[in-house]
Amino acid sequence: MFSASDLAQTIPLFPLPGALLLPRGRLPLHIFEPRYLAMLDDALKDSGRLIGMVQPQPGDENTLHQIGCAGRVTAFSETEDRRYMITLTGVSRFRIQRQIEGFTPYIRAEVDWNGFEPDLGAVEKDADFKRAAFFDLLGRYFEHKELSTDWDSLKEAEGEMLINALAMLCPFDPEDKQALLEAPTLQDRREVLVTLMEFALLGGNNEETMQ
């Protein structure tokens, strides 16, 4: 388990619209661009193996949101044409202090971990979580969006795993994903998630399928 002393002050950044990583969540990624292959090579040489996931600002891929989440590379496999499939396991959110220019083909930044200490602690609890009402809303949302999933597994999941997995996997807009990331607590994130699902039920249709 990571402690505050294990968190580097400078980390590589991987800007990816719509990709959300949360503490203790797992995010699979396909790495193939040369600059991000170099990023992965460097990350694997470091004992922390940290990569910071961040969202670009809408309409400007060169400007990043200030809050992201760092993940540790916990699994990777290489293809014959030197592409990688990796898994990042979320460690902690961070705030970008400044981007570091030059030296590498990918973005590096000095980051501040202060204010996100609970990310390194125990699994969060949500005492006000009403599962029956939540699953009723979730069922209507999935039907509206024509999504499918393993309902038995979802219903058996602990609260944090359930809320974070849905936040990461549901087809929300990048700015909505950022709002889920920045929610201070698990209860706040659940409330944002409920609001987004309720709002989606008033909107259009999406024929994506969540595996």
Protein backbone atom coordinates (compact mmCIF):
# COMPACT_ATOMS: atom_id res chain seq x y z
CA MET A 1 0.00 0.00 0.00
CA PHE A 2 1.21 3.49 -0.85
CA SER A 3 1.93 6.02 1.88
CA ALA A 4 2.37 9.76 1.51
CA SER A 5 6.15 9.35 1.56
CA ASP A 6 5.95 7.12 -1.53
CA LEU A 7 4.34 9.81 -3.67
CA ALA A 8 6.76 11.52 -6.02
CA GLN A 9 6.58 15.27 -6.45
CA THR A 10 7.09 14.95 -10.22
CA ILE A 11 5.09 12.45 -12.29
CA PRO A 12 4.36 11.80 -15.98
CA LEU A 13 0.92 12.85 -17.21
CA PHE A 14 -1.32 11.01 -19.64
CA PRO A 15 -4.06 13.35 -20.93
CA LEU A 16 -6.96 11.26 -22.21
CA PRO A 17 -10.46 12.71 -22.72
CA GLY A 18 -13.19 10.68 -21.03
CA ALA A 19 -10.81 8.27 -19.26
CA LEU A 20 -11.45 8.37 -15.52
CA LEU A 21 -9.27 6.78 -12.86
CA LEU A 22 -10.28 6.85 -9.19
CA PRO A 23 -8.41 5.74 -6.05
CA ARG A 24 -8.42 1.93 -5.78
CA GLY A 25 -10.08 1.69 -9.21
CA ARG A 26 -8.55 -0.18 -12.14
CA LEU A 27 -8.22 1.36 -15.59
CA PRO A 28 -7.11 -0.72 -18.61
CA LEU A 29 -5.20 1.25 -21.26
CA HIS A 30 -3.80 0.54 -24.71
CA ILE A 31 -0.44 2.30 -25.16
CA PHE A 32 0.85 2.72 -28.71
CA GLU A 33 1.91 6.32 -29.40
CA PRO A 34 5.73 6.66 -29.31
CA ARG A 35 5.66 9.42 -26.66
CA TYR A 36 3.51 7.32 -24.34
CA LEU A 37 5.59 4.21 -24.97
CA ALA A 38 8.54 6.30 -23.75
CA MET A 39 6.42 7.41 -20.77
CA LEU A 40 5.64 3.80 -19.89
CA ASP A 41 9.27 2.73 -20.24
CA ASP A 42 10.32 5.47 -17.83
CA ALA A 43 7.49 4.74 -15.40
CA LEU A 44 8.45 1.07 -15.22
CA LYS A 45 12.02 2.02 -14.28
CA ASP A 46 10.74 3.90 -11.23
CA SER A 47 9.83 2.01 -8.07
CA GLY A 48 6.49 3.84 -7.77
CA ARG A 49 5.47 3.11 -11.40
CA LEU A 50 3.09 6.08 -11.26
CA ILE A 51 1.30 7.67 -14.20
CA GLY A 52 -1.05 10.62 -13.72
CA MET A 53 -4.33 10.52 -15.64
CA VAL A 54 -5.74 13.96 -16.48
CA GLN A 55 -8.54 15.38 -18.62
CA PRO A 56 -7.82 18.04 -21.25
CA GLN A 57 -10.03 21.10 -21.08
CA PRO A 58 -12.94 20.93 -23.55
CA GLY A 59 -11.97 22.39 -26.92
CA ASP A 60 -8.28 22.74 -26.00
CA GLU A 61 -6.31 19.52 -25.73
CA ASN A 62 -3.17 21.46 -24.73
CA THR A 63 -4.77 22.84 -21.56
CA LEU A 64 -5.32 20.36 -18.75
CA HIS A 65 -7.66 20.25 -15.80
CA GLN A 66 -5.69 20.89 -12.63
CA ILE A 67 -6.92 17.82 -10.74
CA GLY A 68 -6.09 14.30 -11.90
CA CYS A 69 -5.53 10.87 -10.39
CA ALA A 70 -2.28 8.94 -10.31
CA GLY A 71 -2.25 5.20 -10.85
CA ARG A 72 0.41 2.56 -10.39
CA VAL A 73 1.12 0.24 -13.31
CA THR A 74 0.05 -3.10 -11.82
CA ALA A 75 -0.12 -5.20 -15.00
CA PHE A 76 1.20 -4.96 -18.52
CA SER A 77 1.70 -7.11 -21.58
CA GLU A 78 3.53 -6.35 -24.80
CA THR A 79 2.38 -7.24 -28.31
CA GLU A 80 4.70 -8.30 -31.12
CA ASP A 81 4.54 -4.81 -32.66
CA ARG A 82 5.55 -3.22 -29.33
CA ARG A 83 2.20 -2.02 -28.16
CA TYR A 84 1.26 -2.40 -24.53
CA MET A 85 -1.89 -3.32 -22.71
CA ILE A 86 -1.55 -2.02 -19.16
CA THR A 87 -3.67 -1.70 -16.04
CA LEU A 88 -3.42 1.32 -13.78
CA THR A 89 -4.62 0.93 -10.20
CA GLY A 90 -5.65 4.27 -8.73
CA VAL A 91 -3.50 5.54 -5.87
CA SER A 92 -4.36 9.18 -5.17
CA ARG A 93 -5.68 12.32 -6.72
CA PHE A 94 -3.36 15.29 -7.15
CA ARG A 95 -3.33 18.93 -8.18
CA ILE A 96 -0.97 20.09 -10.92
CA GLN A 97 1.42 22.79 -9.69
CA ARG A 98 3.30 23.35 -12.93
CA GLN A 99 4.14 21.49 -16.11
CA ILE A 100 7.80 20.76 -16.77
CA GLU A 101 8.91 21.67 -20.28
CA GLY A 102 11.42 19.68 -22.33
CA PHE A 103 13.52 16.64 -21.42
CA THR A 104 10.85 14.08 -22.41
CA PRO A 105 8.44 13.68 -25.35
CA TYR A 106 5.54 13.38 -22.89
CA ILE A 107 4.24 15.82 -20.28
CA ARG A 108 5.68 15.82 -16.78
CA ALA A 109 4.43 17.95 -13.92
CA GLU A 110 5.15 18.90 -10.37
CA VAL A 111 2.08 17.92 -8.37
CA ASP A 112 0.62 18.53 -4.93
CA TRP A 113 -1.03 15.62 -3.08
CA ASN A 114 -2.29 17.72 -0.17
CA GLY A 115 -6.04 17.63 0.38
CA PHE A 116 -6.40 14.09 -0.95
CA GLU A 117 -5.06 12.18 2.07
CA PRO A 118 -8.18 9.92 2.37
CA ASP A 119 -7.32 8.46 -1.06
CA LEU A 120 -4.44 6.61 0.62
CA GLY A 121 -6.56 5.35 3.50
CA ALA A 122 -9.09 2.61 3.98
CA VAL A 123 -11.98 1.89 1.65
CA GLU A 124 -14.53 4.70 1.92
CA LYS A 125 -17.99 4.11 3.35
CA ASP A 126 -21.24 5.87 2.44
CA ALA A 127 -23.58 5.61 5.42
CA ASP A 128 -26.49 7.20 3.53
CA PHE A 129 -26.31 4.84 0.53
CA LYS A 130 -29.78 3.42 -0.17
CA ARG A 131 -29.04 0.48 -2.44
CA ALA A 132 -32.62 -0.38 -3.45
CA ALA A 133 -33.42 3.12 -4.68
CA PHE A 134 -30.02 3.41 -6.34
CA PHE A 135 -30.43 0.14 -8.25
CA ASP A 136 -33.91 1.16 -9.34
CA LEU A 137 -32.46 4.33 -10.88
CA LEU A 138 -29.50 2.43 -12.30
CA GLY A 139 -31.80 -0.08 -13.98
CA ARG A 140 -33.82 2.69 -15.63
CA TYR A 141 -30.62 4.45 -16.72
CA PHE A 142 -29.16 1.28 -18.27
CA GLU A 143 -32.43 0.56 -20.06
CA HIS A 144 -32.61 4.12 -21.38
CA LYS A 145 -29.00 4.01 -22.61
CA GLU A 146 -29.34 0.42 -23.88
CA LEU A 147 -26.41 -0.69 -21.71
CA SER A 148 -25.87 -4.22 -20.46
CA THR A 149 -23.86 -5.55 -17.54
CA ASP A 150 -23.55 -8.39 -15.06
CA TRP A 151 -26.25 -7.39 -12.57
CA ASP A 152 -25.39 -10.14 -10.09
CA SER A 153 -21.82 -8.87 -9.80
CA LEU A 154 -22.96 -5.27 -9.47
CA LYS A 155 -25.40 -6.10 -6.70
CA GLU A 156 -22.73 -7.99 -4.76
CA ALA A 157 -20.15 -5.18 -5.04
CA GLU A 158 -19.24 -3.13 -1.99
CA GLY A 159 -20.35 0.50 -2.06
CA GLU A 160 -17.05 2.13 -3.02
CA MET A 161 -16.26 -0.41 -5.71
CA LEU A 162 -19.77 -0.10 -7.14
CA ILE A 163 -19.88 3.71 -7.25
CA ASN A 164 -16.34 4.10 -8.55
CA ALA A 165 -16.74 1.40 -11.22
CA LEU A 166 -19.94 3.02 -12.50
CA ALA A 167 -18.32 6.46 -12.47
CA MET A 168 -15.41 5.13 -14.52
CA LEU A 169 -17.38 2.99 -16.98
CA CYS A 170 -20.66 4.81 -17.68
CA PRO A 171 -20.68 6.87 -20.91
CA PHE A 172 -20.68 10.33 -19.38
CA ASP A 173 -19.14 13.38 -21.05
CA PRO A 174 -15.53 14.25 -20.11
CA GLU A 175 -16.64 17.23 -18.02
CA ASP A 176 -19.04 14.99 -16.12
CA LYS A 177 -16.18 12.54 -15.52
CA GLN A 178 -14.14 15.43 -14.14
CA ALA A 179 -16.95 16.32 -11.75
CA LEU A 180 -16.99 12.71 -10.52
CA LEU A 181 -13.22 12.82 -10.01
CA GLU A 182 -13.35 16.06 -8.07
CA ALA A 183 -16.17 14.96 -5.75
CA PRO A 184 -14.50 15.14 -2.31
CA THR A 185 -16.01 12.01 -0.76
CA LEU A 186 -17.67 8.78 -1.84
CA GLN A 187 -21.06 10.17 -0.78
CA ASP A 188 -20.46 13.28 -2.89
CA ARG A 189 -19.48 11.10 -5.87
CA ARG A 190 -22.60 8.96 -5.46
CA GLU A 191 -24.74 12.11 -5.40
CA VAL A 192 -23.08 13.41 -8.58
CA LEU A 193 -23.58 10.01 -10.21
CA VAL A 194 -27.27 9.99 -9.29
CA THR A 195 -27.68 13.52 -10.67
CA LEU A 196 -25.99 12.55 -13.96
CA MET A 197 -28.19 9.46 -14.37
CA GLU A 198 -31.35 11.40 -13.58
CA PHE A 199 -30.34 14.09 -16.05
CA ALA A 200 -29.58 11.48 -18.74
CA LEU A 201 -33.07 10.04 -18.34
CA LEU A 202 -34.38 13.40 -19.57
CA GLY A 203 -32.07 13.39 -22.60
CA GLY A 204 -31.28 11.37 -25.74
CA ASN A 205 -30.29 7.78 -26.34
CA ASN A 206 -26.94 6.05 -26.48
CA GLU A 207 -26.54 2.59 -27.94
CA GLU A 208 -23.20 1.75 -26.41
CA THR A 209 -22.86 -1.47 -24.45
CA MET A 210 -20.93 -1.70 -21.20
CA GLN A 211 -19.28 -5.07 -20.81
